Amino acid sequence: MASTSDFTIYLDDDLDKNRLIALLRREGWTVISPRAIGTSGFSDEEHLTYCSQRGYPILTRNARDFRQLHEAWQAQGRNMRASWRSIPSGI
């Protein structure tokens, strides 16, 4: 069974917060912060493209936008190597 140290996660701009990054890293995750790598301010599609090219999962709060992008990419026959997960806004 894989441990969290085997996984990398990319944070969407809406979750790129120092506290969340620290919590995830404390649990053994490799966290990619848009602020740290210069992708802060990218559109959702640019974040998705960046992650898809690298196979990174995205953690976001705006599931609706990423669901729409996912559906659009599928309709266009585009290959999405990235997955996305949403967390409730209260967290």
N, C-alpha and C. Protein backbone atom coordinates (compact mmCIF):
# COMPACT_ATOMS: atom_id res chain seq x y z
N MET A 1 0.84 -1.18 0.00
CA MET A 1 0.00 0.00 0.00
C MET A 1 0.89 1.25 0.00
N ALA A 2 0.52 2.21 -0.83
CA ALA A 2 1.31 3.45 -0.93
C ALA A 2 1.06 4.34 0.28
N SER A 3 2.08 5.05 0.65
CA SER A 3 1.93 6.04 1.73
C SER A 3 1.77 7.41 1.11
N THR A 4 1.35 8.37 1.93
CA THR A 4 1.18 9.73 1.41
C THR A 4 2.49 10.31 0.89
N SER A 5 3.62 9.81 1.38
CA SER A 5 4.90 10.34 0.91
C SER A 5 5.14 9.98 -0.55
N ASP A 6 4.36 9.04 -1.09
CA ASP A 6 4.48 8.65 -2.49
C ASP A 6 3.68 9.57 -3.41
N PHE A 7 2.98 10.55 -2.85
CA PHE A 7 2.06 11.36 -3.63
C PHE A 7 2.44 12.84 -3.63
N THR A 8 2.16 13.45 -4.76
CA THR A 8 2.33 14.88 -4.93
C THR A 8 0.95 15.46 -5.18
N ILE A 9 0.67 16.60 -4.62
CA ILE A 9 -0.61 17.27 -4.85
C ILE A 9 -0.35 18.74 -5.18
N TYR A 10 -1.10 19.24 -6.15
CA TYR A 10 -1.00 20.63 -6.59
C TYR A 10 -2.20 21.37 -6.04
N LEU A 11 -1.98 22.51 -5.45
CA LEU A 11 -3.07 23.31 -4.89
C LEU A 11 -3.53 24.35 -5.91
N ASP A 12 -4.84 24.43 -6.10
CA ASP A 12 -5.40 25.51 -6.90
C ASP A 12 -5.17 26.81 -6.13
N ASP A 13 -5.23 27.94 -6.80
CA ASP A 13 -5.00 29.23 -6.14
C ASP A 13 -5.88 29.43 -4.91
N ASP A 14 -7.11 28.92 -4.97
CA ASP A 14 -8.04 29.15 -3.86
C ASP A 14 -7.66 28.40 -2.59
N LEU A 15 -6.73 27.47 -2.68
CA LEU A 15 -6.28 26.72 -1.49
C LEU A 15 -4.79 26.89 -1.22
N ASP A 16 -4.15 27.78 -1.93
CA ASP A 16 -2.71 28.00 -1.76
C ASP A 16 -2.46 28.83 -0.50
N LYS A 17 -2.62 28.17 0.63
CA LYS A 17 -2.49 28.82 1.94
C LYS A 17 -1.40 28.13 2.74
N ASN A 18 -0.61 28.92 3.44
CA ASN A 18 0.51 28.37 4.20
C ASN A 18 0.07 27.33 5.22
N ARG A 19 -1.06 27.56 5.89
CA ARG A 19 -1.51 26.62 6.92
C ARG A 19 -1.84 25.25 6.30
N LEU A 20 -2.58 25.26 5.19
CA LEU A 20 -2.92 24.00 4.53
C LEU A 20 -1.66 23.30 4.02
N ILE A 21 -0.75 24.06 3.44
CA ILE A 21 0.50 23.48 2.95
C ILE A 21 1.25 22.81 4.09
N ALA A 22 1.35 23.50 5.21
CA ALA A 22 2.06 22.93 6.38
C ALA A 22 1.38 21.66 6.87
N LEU A 23 0.06 21.66 6.94
CA LEU A 23 -0.67 20.47 7.41
C LEU A 23 -0.46 19.28 6.48
N LEU A 24 -0.57 19.52 5.19
CA LEU A 24 -0.38 18.43 4.23
C LEU A 24 1.05 17.91 4.28
N ARG A 25 2.00 18.80 4.35
CA ARG A 25 3.41 18.36 4.40
C ARG A 25 3.71 17.60 5.68
N ARG A 26 3.10 18.03 6.77
CA ARG A 26 3.29 17.32 8.04
C ARG A 26 2.78 15.88 7.94
N GLU A 27 1.78 15.67 7.12
CA GLU A 27 1.23 14.33 6.90
C GLU A 27 2.00 13.55 5.85
N GLY A 28 3.05 14.16 5.30
CA GLY A 28 3.92 13.45 4.37
C GLY A 28 3.67 13.72 2.90
N TRP A 29 2.74 14.60 2.57
CA TRP A 29 2.47 14.92 1.18
C TRP A 29 3.53 15.84 0.60
N THR A 30 3.82 15.69 -0.66
CA THR A 30 4.60 16.66 -1.41
C THR A 30 3.59 17.63 -1.99
N VAL A 31 3.68 18.90 -1.59
CA VAL A 31 2.69 19.90 -1.99
C VAL A 31 3.32 20.90 -2.94
N ILE A 32 2.64 21.11 -4.06
CA ILE A 32 3.10 22.11 -5.03
C ILE A 32 2.20 23.33 -4.90
N SER A 33 2.81 24.43 -4.56
CA SER A 33 2.11 25.69 -4.36
C SER A 33 2.27 26.57 -5.60
N PRO A 34 1.17 27.06 -6.17
CA PRO A 34 1.30 27.98 -7.31
C PRO A 34 2.19 29.19 -7.02
N ARG A 35 2.13 29.69 -5.77
CA ARG A 35 2.99 30.84 -5.42
C ARG A 35 4.46 30.47 -5.53
N ALA A 36 4.79 29.25 -5.14
CA ALA A 36 6.19 28.83 -5.12
C ALA A 36 6.76 28.56 -6.51
N ILE A 37 5.90 28.18 -7.45
CA ILE A 37 6.43 27.81 -8.77
C ILE A 37 6.08 28.80 -9.88
N GLY A 38 5.39 29.89 -9.51
CA GLY A 38 5.11 30.94 -10.48
C GLY A 38 3.86 30.75 -11.31
N THR A 39 2.95 29.89 -10.87
CA THR A 39 1.71 29.70 -11.62
C THR A 39 0.51 30.37 -10.94
N SER A 40 0.76 31.12 -9.90
CA SER A 40 -0.31 31.83 -9.21
C SER A 40 -0.97 32.80 -10.18
N GLY A 41 -2.29 32.83 -10.19
CA GLY A 41 -3.01 33.70 -11.09
C GLY A 41 -3.36 33.07 -12.42
N PHE A 42 -2.87 31.85 -12.66
CA PHE A 42 -3.24 31.14 -13.89
C PHE A 42 -4.74 30.90 -13.88
N SER A 43 -5.33 30.78 -15.05
CA SER A 43 -6.74 30.41 -15.15
C SER A 43 -6.88 28.94 -14.73
N ASP A 44 -8.10 28.52 -14.44
CA ASP A 44 -8.32 27.12 -14.07
C ASP A 44 -7.85 26.19 -15.19
N GLU A 45 -8.11 26.56 -16.43
CA GLU A 45 -7.67 25.71 -17.54
C GLU A 45 -6.14 25.64 -17.62
N GLU A 46 -5.46 26.75 -17.34
CA GLU A 46 -3.99 26.72 -17.33
C GLU A 46 -3.46 25.84 -16.20
N HIS A 47 -4.10 25.92 -15.02
CA HIS A 47 -3.70 25.02 -13.92
C HIS A 47 -3.92 23.57 -14.33
N LEU A 48 -5.07 23.29 -14.92
CA LEU A 48 -5.38 21.92 -15.33
C LEU A 48 -4.40 21.42 -16.39
N THR A 49 -4.07 22.27 -17.33
CA THR A 49 -3.10 21.90 -18.37
C THR A 49 -1.74 21.61 -17.74
N TYR A 50 -1.29 22.49 -16.84
CA TYR A 50 -0.01 22.31 -16.16
C TYR A 50 0.02 20.95 -15.44
N CYS A 51 -1.04 20.67 -14.72
CA CYS A 51 -1.09 19.42 -13.95
C CYS A 51 -1.24 18.20 -14.85
N SER A 52 -2.01 18.34 -15.91
CA SER A 52 -2.20 17.23 -16.82
C SER A 52 -0.89 16.85 -17.51
N GLN A 53 -0.08 17.83 -17.83
CA GLN A 53 1.21 17.56 -18.46
C GLN A 53 2.15 16.81 -17.52
N ARG A 54 1.92 16.94 -16.22
CA ARG A 54 2.80 16.34 -15.23
C ARG A 54 2.15 15.19 -14.45
N GLY A 55 0.87 14.97 -14.67
CA GLY A 55 0.17 13.91 -13.97
C GLY A 55 -0.14 14.22 -12.52
N TYR A 56 -0.18 15.51 -12.16
CA TYR A 56 -0.46 15.91 -10.78
C TYR A 56 -1.97 15.99 -10.52
N PRO A 57 -2.42 15.54 -9.38
CA PRO A 57 -3.81 15.82 -8.97
C PRO A 57 -3.90 17.25 -8.45
N ILE A 58 -5.08 17.86 -8.61
CA ILE A 58 -5.32 19.23 -8.16
C ILE A 58 -6.31 19.20 -7.01
N LEU A 59 -6.01 19.94 -5.96
CA LEU A 59 -6.94 20.13 -4.86
C LEU A 59 -7.50 21.54 -4.97
N THR A 60 -8.83 21.66 -4.99
CA THR A 60 -9.49 22.94 -5.24
C THR A 60 -10.74 23.08 -4.39
N ARG A 61 -11.27 24.29 -4.35
CA ARG A 61 -12.58 24.52 -3.74
C ARG A 61 -13.66 24.72 -4.79
N ASN A 62 -13.28 24.97 -6.03
CA ASN A 62 -14.29 25.28 -7.05
C ASN A 62 -14.53 24.08 -7.97
N ALA A 63 -15.19 23.10 -7.43
CA ALA A 63 -15.46 21.87 -8.16
C ALA A 63 -16.25 22.13 -9.45
N ARG A 64 -17.19 23.05 -9.41
CA ARG A 64 -18.03 23.31 -10.59
C ARG A 64 -17.18 23.69 -11.80
N ASP A 65 -16.22 24.58 -11.59
CA ASP A 65 -15.37 25.01 -12.71
C ASP A 65 -14.55 23.85 -13.28
N PHE A 66 -13.98 23.04 -12.40
CA PHE A 66 -13.16 21.93 -12.87
C PHE A 66 -14.01 20.83 -13.48
N ARG A 67 -15.21 20.64 -12.99
CA ARG A 67 -16.13 19.67 -13.60
C ARG A 67 -16.46 20.11 -15.03
N GLN A 68 -16.73 21.40 -15.21
CA GLN A 68 -17.02 21.92 -16.55
C GLN A 68 -15.83 21.76 -17.49
N LEU A 69 -14.64 22.05 -16.98
CA LEU A 69 -13.43 21.87 -17.79
C LEU A 69 -13.24 20.40 -18.16
N HIS A 70 -13.44 19.52 -17.20
CA HIS A 70 -13.31 18.09 -17.44
C HIS A 70 -14.27 17.65 -18.55
N GLU A 71 -15.51 18.09 -18.46
CA GLU A 71 -16.50 17.72 -19.47
C GLU A 71 -16.14 18.30 -20.84
N ALA A 72 -15.65 19.53 -20.86
CA ALA A 72 -15.25 20.15 -22.12
C ALA A 72 -14.08 19.40 -22.74
N TRP A 73 -13.10 19.05 -21.92
CA TRP A 73 -11.96 18.30 -22.44
C TRP A 73 -12.39 16.95 -22.99
N GLN A 74 -13.29 16.27 -22.29
CA GLN A 74 -13.78 14.98 -22.78
C GLN A 74 -14.48 15.16 -24.12
N ALA A 75 -15.32 16.18 -24.24
CA ALA A 75 -16.06 16.43 -25.48
C ALA A 75 -15.10 16.73 -26.64
N GLN A 76 -13.96 17.33 -26.34
CA GLN A 76 -12.96 17.66 -27.36
C GLN A 76 -12.01 16.50 -27.63
N GLY A 77 -12.15 15.42 -26.84
CA GLY A 77 -11.26 14.27 -27.01
C GLY A 77 -9.87 14.50 -26.44
N ARG A 78 -9.75 15.50 -25.57
CA ARG A 78 -8.44 15.80 -24.97
C ARG A 78 -8.16 14.82 -23.84
N ASN A 79 -6.91 14.42 -23.73
CA ASN A 79 -6.48 13.49 -22.69
C ASN A 79 -6.16 14.26 -21.42
N MET A 80 -6.81 13.90 -20.36
CA MET A 80 -6.56 14.55 -19.07
C MET A 80 -5.81 13.57 -18.17
N ARG A 81 -4.56 13.85 -17.92
CA ARG A 81 -3.75 13.02 -17.04
C ARG A 81 -3.82 13.49 -15.60
N ALA A 82 -4.50 14.59 -15.35
CA ALA A 82 -4.63 15.12 -13.99
C ALA A 82 -6.02 14.78 -13.47
N SER A 83 -6.09 14.57 -12.18
CA SER A 83 -7.40 14.44 -11.55
C SER A 83 -7.58 15.65 -10.66
N TRP A 84 -8.80 15.92 -10.26
CA TRP A 84 -9.05 17.04 -9.37
C TRP A 84 -9.97 16.57 -8.27
N ARG A 85 -9.79 17.16 -7.12
CA ARG A 85 -10.62 16.89 -5.95
C ARG A 85 -10.99 18.22 -5.33
N SER A 86 -12.19 18.27 -4.82
CA SER A 86 -12.68 19.49 -4.19
C SER A 86 -12.90 19.24 -2.71
N ILE A 87 -12.66 20.28 -1.92
CA ILE A 87 -12.97 20.20 -0.50
C ILE A 87 -14.01 21.26 -0.18
N PRO A 88 -14.84 21.02 0.82
CA PRO A 88 -15.87 22.00 1.17
C PRO A 88 -15.25 23.34 1.55
N SER A 89 -15.98 24.40 1.30
CA SER A 89 -15.47 25.75 1.54
C SER A 89 -15.23 26.05 3.03
N GLY A 90 -15.84 25.31 3.93
CA GLY A 90 -15.66 25.56 5.35
C GLY A 90 -14.37 25.02 5.92
N ILE A 91 -13.62 24.31 5.12
CA ILE A 91 -12.38 23.70 5.62
C ILE A 91 -11.20 24.57 5.30
